[in-house]
Every structure is written in structure tokens, then in C-alpha cells.
């Protein structure tokens, strides 16, 4: 009977040893480049420090040499344009078709990294929502991270032209994980030349 217990014990130890070897061996398998990039991406975090619509710049107009354009002169120019015979000129001028109206939104971002080897850049996902937090659109922004150091935050600003922005709209930002296979080509860090 002692021999049977010894055999069973030996058998259990052998099975557990084989199982442990498989687990350890499976963990050492070479990772694909995509898996390595995904692992490195997981070491980045982003904080949207703030955003603000930029005021549109006033349209410049030229002032003739020798002084300022007086209001009366402006009215005179407008009156000349309205005189008979100027319709032909107006018909010849072709106005460009208006595109969707956009608002320049200035984003202030802080990026953190807690790894050893950085990526050349990382794609940030930006969500645009209305005042009821209903999603209106999503955007992506490529942030250069080649010079980031572990534990040293990187603060930067950028501007995006956002169509259909209305007062009360809000923005949020994230480093999306995981990325569906169908969308992975839209993330620059997974491109071969990144």
C-alpha cells in the first residue's frame, strides 16, 4: 500500500510539473509586433486639461497709404458698388460654395507614460457630445511621444476644426483600448513605418 501511495504522489508531482512547464513555456512565447505595441499603448494615460473655442479672427481689410479709411469712404465704396451697371461685374464674380461651418477648438492635454520604451506617437480619441451628453462625432489626433520619459508628463496644445459646434457641447479624450481589428489601420502607431 505504501508503494501505491508513493506511486500516486509521484504521478501527481509529475502531472503538476508538466502543467507548470507548459504555463511557463506558454508565457515566454514571442509576442507579435501588434501585441507589443498594444502592451506599450497600455502604459500611456491621457488627461484633457481643458478645451476652449477660439475666437474667430476679424477679416483684414487693406488701408490705403496715407491714413485710415473713414466710415464715410466705406459708405461711398458701398454706394459705388450698388450703382447701375455694376450688376455685370457681380454676375461675373463666382463665390465659392460654403462648406460646413467649423469652429476651431483649442485642446490642452497632459500625457503620462509609465513604461520603458516609448512609441514614436500615440493616437488620442476625442469624443464630441452635445449638452445632453449625446455623442455627435469622434475624432483622432496623433500625438508625438518619441521624446517622452517615464514618469515625466508631456503637456501640449493643439487645435482641431470641429463642424457643428454649439454652445453647451462638451469634449472628452481617451487612449482607446482595445481597438477593434476593423479600425486598427486608423491608428498610426500600428502602421509599419511608425
C-alpha atoms as a PDB file:
ATOM      1  CA  UNK A   1       0.000   0.000   0.000  1.00  0.00           C
ATOM      2  CA  UNK A   2       2.880   2.362   0.714  1.00  0.00           C
ATOM      3  CA  UNK A   3       4.131   1.711  -2.779  1.00  0.00           C
ATOM      4  CA  UNK A   4       0.735   2.643  -4.246  1.00  0.00           C
ATOM      5  CA  UNK A   5       0.653   5.967  -2.308  1.00  0.00           C
ATOM      6  CA  UNK A   6       4.205   6.701  -3.384  1.00  0.00           C
ATOM      7  CA  UNK A   7       3.341   5.984  -6.994  1.00  0.00           C
ATOM      8  CA  UNK A   8       0.229   8.230  -6.819  1.00  0.00           C
ATOM      9  CA  UNK A   9       2.235  11.016  -5.205  1.00  0.00           C
ATOM     10  CA  UNK A  10       4.925  10.706  -7.859  1.00  0.00           C
ATOM     11  CA  UNK A  11       2.251  10.689 -10.577  1.00  0.00           C
ATOM     12  CA  UNK A  12       0.638  13.908  -9.177  1.00  0.00           C
ATOM     13  CA  UNK A  13       4.002  15.654  -8.900  1.00  0.00           C
ATOM     14  CA  UNK A  14       4.843  14.679 -12.472  1.00  0.00           C
ATOM     15  CA  UNK A  15       1.498  15.982 -13.804  1.00  0.00           C
ATOM     16  CA  UNK A  16       1.812  19.277 -11.875  1.00  0.00           C
ATOM     17  CA  UNK A  17       5.393  19.701 -13.093  1.00  0.00           C
ATOM     18  CA  UNK A  18       4.334  19.217 -16.695  1.00  0.00           C
ATOM     19  CA  UNK A  19       1.435  21.643 -16.211  1.00  0.00           C
ATOM     20  CA  UNK A  20       3.739  24.291 -14.673  1.00  0.00           C
ATOM     21  CA  UNK A  21       6.244  23.823 -17.520  1.00  0.00           C
ATOM     22  CA  UNK A  22       3.504  24.379 -20.087  1.00  0.00           C
ATOM     23  CA  UNK A  23       2.301  27.531 -18.294  1.00  0.00           C
ATOM     24  CA  UNK A  24       5.784  28.994 -18.015  1.00  0.00           C
ATOM     25  CA  UNK A  25       6.716  27.972 -21.558  1.00  0.00           C
ATOM     26  CA  UNK A  26       3.489  29.418 -22.949  1.00  0.00           C
ATOM     27  CA  UNK A  27       4.205  32.747 -21.210  1.00  0.00           C
ATOM     28  CA  UNK A  28       7.611  33.011 -22.881  1.00  0.00           C
ATOM     29  CA  UNK A  29       6.267  32.713 -26.424  1.00  0.00           C
ATOM     30  CA  UNK A  30       7.408  35.518 -28.729  1.00  0.00           C
ATOM     31  CA  UNK A  31       4.821  38.291 -28.970  1.00  0.00           C
ATOM     32  CA  UNK A  32       3.735  39.698 -32.304  1.00  0.00           C
ATOM     33  CA  UNK A  33       4.606  43.330 -33.136  1.00  0.00           C
ATOM     34  CA  UNK A  34       0.915  44.248 -32.745  1.00  0.00           C
ATOM     35  CA  UNK A  35       0.814  42.713 -29.256  1.00  0.00           C
ATOM     36  CA  UNK A  36       3.974  44.601 -28.274  1.00  0.00           C
ATOM     37  CA  UNK A  37       2.502  47.909 -29.476  1.00  0.00           C
ATOM     38  CA  UNK A  38      -0.776  47.221 -27.662  1.00  0.00           C
ATOM     39  CA  UNK A  39       1.179  46.474 -24.463  1.00  0.00           C
ATOM     40  CA  UNK A  40       3.159  49.709 -24.781  1.00  0.00           C
ATOM     41  CA  UNK A  41      -0.030  51.718 -25.515  1.00  0.00           C
ATOM     42  CA  UNK A  42      -1.465  50.402 -22.247  1.00  0.00           C
ATOM     43  CA  UNK A  43       1.315  52.245 -20.399  1.00  0.00           C
ATOM     44  CA  UNK A  44       0.088  55.668 -21.606  1.00  0.00           C
ATOM     45  CA  UNK A  45      -2.653  57.690 -19.951  1.00  0.00           C
ATOM     46  CA  UNK A  46      -4.123  60.986 -21.095  1.00  0.00           C
ATOM     47  CA  UNK A  47      -5.755  63.856 -19.234  1.00  0.00           C
ATOM     48  CA  UNK A  48      -7.762  66.515 -21.050  1.00  0.00           C
ATOM     49  CA  UNK A  49      -6.615  69.552 -19.110  1.00  0.00           C
ATOM     50  CA  UNK A  50      -9.117  71.818 -20.875  1.00  0.00           C
ATOM     51  CA  UNK A  51     -10.557  72.951 -24.179  1.00  0.00           C
ATOM     52  CA  UNK A  52     -11.797  76.278 -25.481  1.00  0.00           C
ATOM     53  CA  UNK A  53     -13.366  77.530 -28.719  1.00  0.00           C
ATOM     54  CA  UNK A  54     -11.048  80.049 -30.352  1.00  0.00           C
ATOM     55  CA  UNK A  55     -12.482  83.431 -31.222  1.00  0.00           C
ATOM     56  CA  UNK A  56     -12.590  83.915 -34.995  1.00  0.00           C
ATOM     57  CA  UNK A  57     -10.021  86.410 -36.230  1.00  0.00           C
ATOM     58  CA  UNK A  58     -11.508  89.559 -37.769  1.00  0.00           C
ATOM     59  CA  UNK A  59     -11.327  89.721 -41.542  1.00  0.00           C
ATOM     60  CA  UNK A  60      -8.470  92.027 -42.537  1.00  0.00           C
ATOM     61  CA  UNK A  61      -9.048  94.883 -44.977  1.00  0.00           C
ATOM     62  CA  UNK A  62      -6.434  96.983 -46.638  1.00  0.00           C
ATOM     63  CA  UNK A  63      -5.944 100.612 -45.740  1.00  0.00           C
ATOM     64  CA  UNK A  64      -4.611 102.850 -48.470  1.00  0.00           C
ATOM     65  CA  UNK A  65      -1.296 104.575 -47.872  1.00  0.00           C
ATOM     66  CA  UNK A  66      -1.546 107.862 -46.070  1.00  0.00           C
ATOM     67  CA  UNK A  67      -4.144 107.174 -43.434  1.00  0.00           C
ATOM     68  CA  UNK A  68      -7.147 105.385 -42.175  1.00  0.00           C
ATOM     69  CA  UNK A  69     -10.258 104.559 -44.097  1.00  0.00           C
ATOM     70  CA  UNK A  70     -13.064 106.752 -42.825  1.00  0.00           C
ATOM     71  CA  UNK A  71     -16.609 105.441 -42.339  1.00  0.00           C
ATOM     72  CA  UNK A  72     -17.880 107.893 -44.983  1.00  0.00           C
ATOM     73  CA  UNK A  73     -15.414 106.450 -47.507  1.00  0.00           C
ATOM     74  CA  UNK A  74     -16.636 102.927 -46.756  1.00  0.00           C
ATOM     75  CA  UNK A  75     -20.218 104.054 -47.388  1.00  0.00           C
ATOM     76  CA  UNK A  76     -19.077 105.697 -50.643  1.00  0.00           C
ATOM     77  CA  UNK A  77     -17.463 102.462 -51.847  1.00  0.00           C
ATOM     78  CA  UNK A  78     -20.613 100.530 -50.987  1.00  0.00           C
ATOM     79  CA  UNK A  79     -22.714 103.096 -52.842  1.00  0.00           C
ATOM     80  CA  UNK A  80     -20.479 102.822 -55.927  1.00  0.00           C
ATOM     81  CA  UNK A  81     -20.923  99.065 -55.929  1.00  0.00           C
ATOM     82  CA  UNK A  82     -24.695  99.495 -55.879  1.00  0.00           C
ATOM     83  CA  UNK A  83     -24.730 101.892 -58.886  1.00  0.00           C
ATOM     84  CA  UNK A  84     -26.404 100.754 -62.090  1.00  0.00           C
ATOM     85  CA  UNK A  85     -24.062  98.999 -64.473  1.00  0.00           C
ATOM     86  CA  UNK A  86     -22.182  97.084 -61.753  1.00  0.00           C
ATOM     87  CA  UNK A  87     -24.535  94.093 -61.937  1.00  0.00           C
ATOM     88  CA  UNK A  88     -22.445  92.655 -64.790  1.00  0.00           C
ATOM     89  CA  UNK A  89     -19.364  92.606 -62.592  1.00  0.00           C
ATOM     90  CA  UNK A  90     -21.303  90.988 -59.773  1.00  0.00           C
ATOM     91  CA  UNK A  91     -22.571  88.280 -62.098  1.00  0.00           C
ATOM     92  CA  UNK A  92     -19.041  87.503 -63.283  1.00  0.00           C
ATOM     93  CA  UNK A  93     -17.698  87.024 -59.770  1.00  0.00           C
ATOM     94  CA  UNK A  94     -18.061  83.402 -58.699  1.00  0.00           C
ATOM     95  CA  UNK A  95     -18.469  82.847 -54.993  1.00  0.00           C
ATOM     96  CA  UNK A  96     -17.121  79.583 -53.599  1.00  0.00           C
ATOM     97  CA  UNK A  97     -19.670  77.160 -52.251  1.00  0.00           C
ATOM     98  CA  UNK A  98     -19.789  77.316 -48.489  1.00  0.00           C
ATOM     99  CA  UNK A  99     -18.565  74.183 -46.708  1.00  0.00           C
ATOM    100  CA  UNK A 100     -19.772  73.026 -43.326  1.00  0.00           C
ATOM    101  CA  UNK A 101     -19.253  75.703 -40.708  1.00  0.00           C
ATOM    102  CA  UNK A 102     -16.455  74.805 -38.331  1.00  0.00           C
ATOM    103  CA  UNK A 103     -15.204  76.116 -35.021  1.00  0.00           C
ATOM    104  CA  UNK A 104     -11.533  75.981 -34.061  1.00  0.00           C
ATOM    105  CA  UNK A 105     -11.304  74.206 -30.688  1.00  0.00           C
ATOM    106  CA  UNK A 106      -8.068  74.597 -28.720  1.00  0.00           C
ATOM    107  CA  UNK A 107      -7.229  71.480 -26.649  1.00  0.00           C
ATOM    108  CA  UNK A 108      -4.793  71.436 -23.695  1.00  0.00           C
ATOM    109  CA  UNK A 109      -3.590  67.897 -22.953  1.00  0.00           C
ATOM    110  CA  UNK A 110      -1.309  66.147 -20.462  1.00  0.00           C
ATOM    111  CA  UNK A 111       0.082  62.751 -21.444  1.00  0.00           C
ATOM    112  CA  UNK A 112       1.685  60.320 -18.987  1.00  0.00           C
ATOM    113  CA  UNK A 113       3.876  57.281 -19.667  1.00  0.00           C
ATOM    114  CA  UNK A 114       4.813  54.510 -17.250  1.00  0.00           C
ATOM    115  CA  UNK A 115       6.938  52.190 -19.344  1.00  0.00           C
ATOM    116  CA  UNK A 116      10.489  51.722 -20.541  1.00  0.00           C
ATOM    117  CA  UNK A 117      10.372  52.109 -24.318  1.00  0.00           C
ATOM    118  CA  UNK A 118       8.057  54.732 -25.820  1.00  0.00           C
ATOM    119  CA  UNK A 119       6.224  54.658 -29.114  1.00  0.00           C
ATOM    120  CA  UNK A 120       7.010  57.336 -31.736  1.00  0.00           C
ATOM    121  CA  UNK A 121       3.465  58.589 -31.275  1.00  0.00           C
ATOM    122  CA  UNK A 122       0.072  57.634 -29.960  1.00  0.00           C
ATOM    123  CA  UNK A 123      -3.447  58.181 -31.254  1.00  0.00           C
ATOM    124  CA  UNK A 124      -5.826  60.027 -28.946  1.00  0.00           C
ATOM    125  CA  UNK A 125      -9.573  59.514 -29.340  1.00  0.00           C
ATOM    126  CA  UNK A 126     -11.701  62.635 -28.883  1.00  0.00           C
ATOM    127  CA  UNK A 127     -15.466  62.439 -28.379  1.00  0.00           C
ATOM    128  CA  UNK A 128     -17.687  65.430 -29.186  1.00  0.00           C
ATOM    129  CA  UNK A 129     -21.054  65.380 -27.395  1.00  0.00           C
ATOM    130  CA  UNK A 130     -23.968  67.778 -27.093  1.00  0.00           C
ATOM    131  CA  UNK A 131     -25.204  69.370 -23.870  1.00  0.00           C
ATOM    132  CA  UNK A 132     -27.234  66.200 -23.126  1.00  0.00           C
ATOM    133  CA  UNK A 133     -24.062  64.103 -23.497  1.00  0.00           C
ATOM    134  CA  UNK A 134     -25.334  62.523 -26.714  1.00  0.00           C
ATOM    135  CA  UNK A 135     -22.350  61.748 -28.952  1.00  0.00           C
ATOM    136  CA  UNK A 136     -22.161  63.950 -32.052  1.00  0.00           C
ATOM    137  CA  UNK A 137     -18.817  62.791 -33.508  1.00  0.00           C
ATOM    138  CA  UNK A 138     -15.445  61.237 -32.740  1.00  0.00           C
ATOM    139  CA  UNK A 139     -12.039  62.437 -33.877  1.00  0.00           C
ATOM    140  CA  UNK A 140      -8.498  61.132 -33.673  1.00  0.00           C
ATOM    141  CA  UNK A 141      -5.341  63.110 -33.023  1.00  0.00           C
ATOM    142  CA  UNK A 142      -1.763  61.833 -33.475  1.00  0.00           C
ATOM    143  CA  UNK A 143       0.454  62.952 -30.583  1.00  0.00           C
ATOM    144  CA  UNK A 144       4.250  62.788 -30.976  1.00  0.00           C
ATOM    145  CA  UNK A 145       5.628  60.836 -27.999  1.00  0.00           C
ATOM    146  CA  UNK A 146       9.117  59.929 -29.238  1.00  0.00           C
ATOM    147  CA  UNK A 147      10.898  62.048 -26.601  1.00  0.00           C
ATOM    148  CA  UNK A 148       8.766  61.102 -23.600  1.00  0.00           C
ATOM    149  CA  UNK A 149      10.462  59.802 -20.494  1.00  0.00           C
ATOM    150  CA  UNK A 150       8.971  57.504 -17.897  1.00  0.00           C
ATOM    151  CA  UNK A 151       7.207  59.486 -15.178  1.00  0.00           C
ATOM    152  CA  UNK A 152       7.713  62.861 -16.916  1.00  0.00           C
ATOM    153  CA  UNK A 153       4.350  64.205 -18.102  1.00  0.00           C
ATOM    154  CA  UNK A 154       4.153  65.784 -21.537  1.00  0.00           C
ATOM    155  CA  UNK A 155       1.851  68.815 -21.819  1.00  0.00           C
ATOM    156  CA  UNK A 156       0.929  70.092 -25.271  1.00  0.00           C
ATOM    157  CA  UNK A 157      -1.767  72.010 -27.142  1.00  0.00           C
ATOM    158  CA  UNK A 158      -3.402  71.539 -30.498  1.00  0.00           C
ATOM    159  CA  UNK A 159      -6.338  72.929 -32.454  1.00  0.00           C
ATOM    160  CA  UNK A 160      -8.990  70.946 -34.334  1.00  0.00           C
ATOM    161  CA  UNK A 161     -11.614  72.385 -36.665  1.00  0.00           C
ATOM    162  CA  UNK A 162     -14.886  70.953 -35.374  1.00  0.00           C
ATOM    163  CA  UNK A 163     -18.029  71.119 -37.534  1.00  0.00           C
ATOM    164  CA  UNK A 164     -21.436  71.820 -35.963  1.00  0.00           C
ATOM    165  CA  UNK A 165     -20.068  73.027 -32.617  1.00  0.00           C
ATOM    166  CA  UNK A 166     -22.745  74.686 -30.484  1.00  0.00           C
ATOM    167  CA  UNK A 167     -22.629  76.349 -27.058  1.00  0.00           C
ATOM    168  CA  UNK A 168     -23.078  73.654 -24.399  1.00  0.00           C
ATOM    169  CA  UNK A 169     -21.220  70.982 -26.372  1.00  0.00           C
ATOM    170  CA  UNK A 170     -18.530  69.043 -24.485  1.00  0.00           C
ATOM    171  CA  UNK A 171     -15.403  67.037 -25.330  1.00  0.00           C
ATOM    172  CA  UNK A 172     -13.702  64.053 -23.706  1.00  0.00           C
ATOM    173  CA  UNK A 173     -10.455  62.293 -24.560  1.00  0.00           C
ATOM    174  CA  UNK A 174      -9.057  58.784 -24.077  1.00  0.00           C
ATOM    175  CA  UNK A 175      -6.485  56.292 -25.264  1.00  0.00           C
ATOM    176  CA  UNK A 176      -8.849  53.664 -26.563  1.00  0.00           C
ATOM    177  CA  UNK A 177      -8.274  50.050 -25.543  1.00  0.00           C
ATOM    178  CA  UNK A 178      -8.804  47.553 -27.062  1.00  0.00           C
ATOM    179  CA  UNK A 179      -9.053  48.687 -30.670  1.00  0.00           C
ATOM    180  CA  UNK A 180     -11.330  46.617 -32.929  1.00  0.00           C
ATOM    181  CA  UNK A 181      -9.439  44.897 -35.760  1.00  0.00           C
ATOM    182  CA  UNK A 182     -11.570  46.710 -38.364  1.00  0.00           C
ATOM    183  CA  UNK A 183     -10.335  50.124 -37.077  1.00  0.00           C
ATOM    184  CA  UNK A 184      -6.695  49.341 -36.287  1.00  0.00           C
ATOM    185  CA  UNK A 185      -5.477  50.832 -39.596  1.00  0.00           C
ATOM    186  CA  UNK A 186      -6.735  54.244 -38.384  1.00  0.00           C
ATOM    187  CA  UNK A 187      -4.205  54.230 -35.516  1.00  0.00           C
ATOM    188  CA  UNK A 188      -0.777  55.416 -36.667  1.00  0.00           C
ATOM    189  CA  UNK A 189       1.192  53.559 -34.011  1.00  0.00           C
ATOM    190  CA  UNK A 190       0.191  50.240 -35.630  1.00  0.00           C
ATOM    191  CA  UNK A 191       1.413  51.347 -39.089  1.00  0.00           C
ATOM    192  CA  UNK A 192       4.600  49.692 -40.345  1.00  0.00           C
ATOM    193  CA  UNK A 193       6.528  52.984 -40.597  1.00  0.00           C
ATOM    194  CA  UNK A 194       5.514  54.304 -37.162  1.00  0.00           C
END
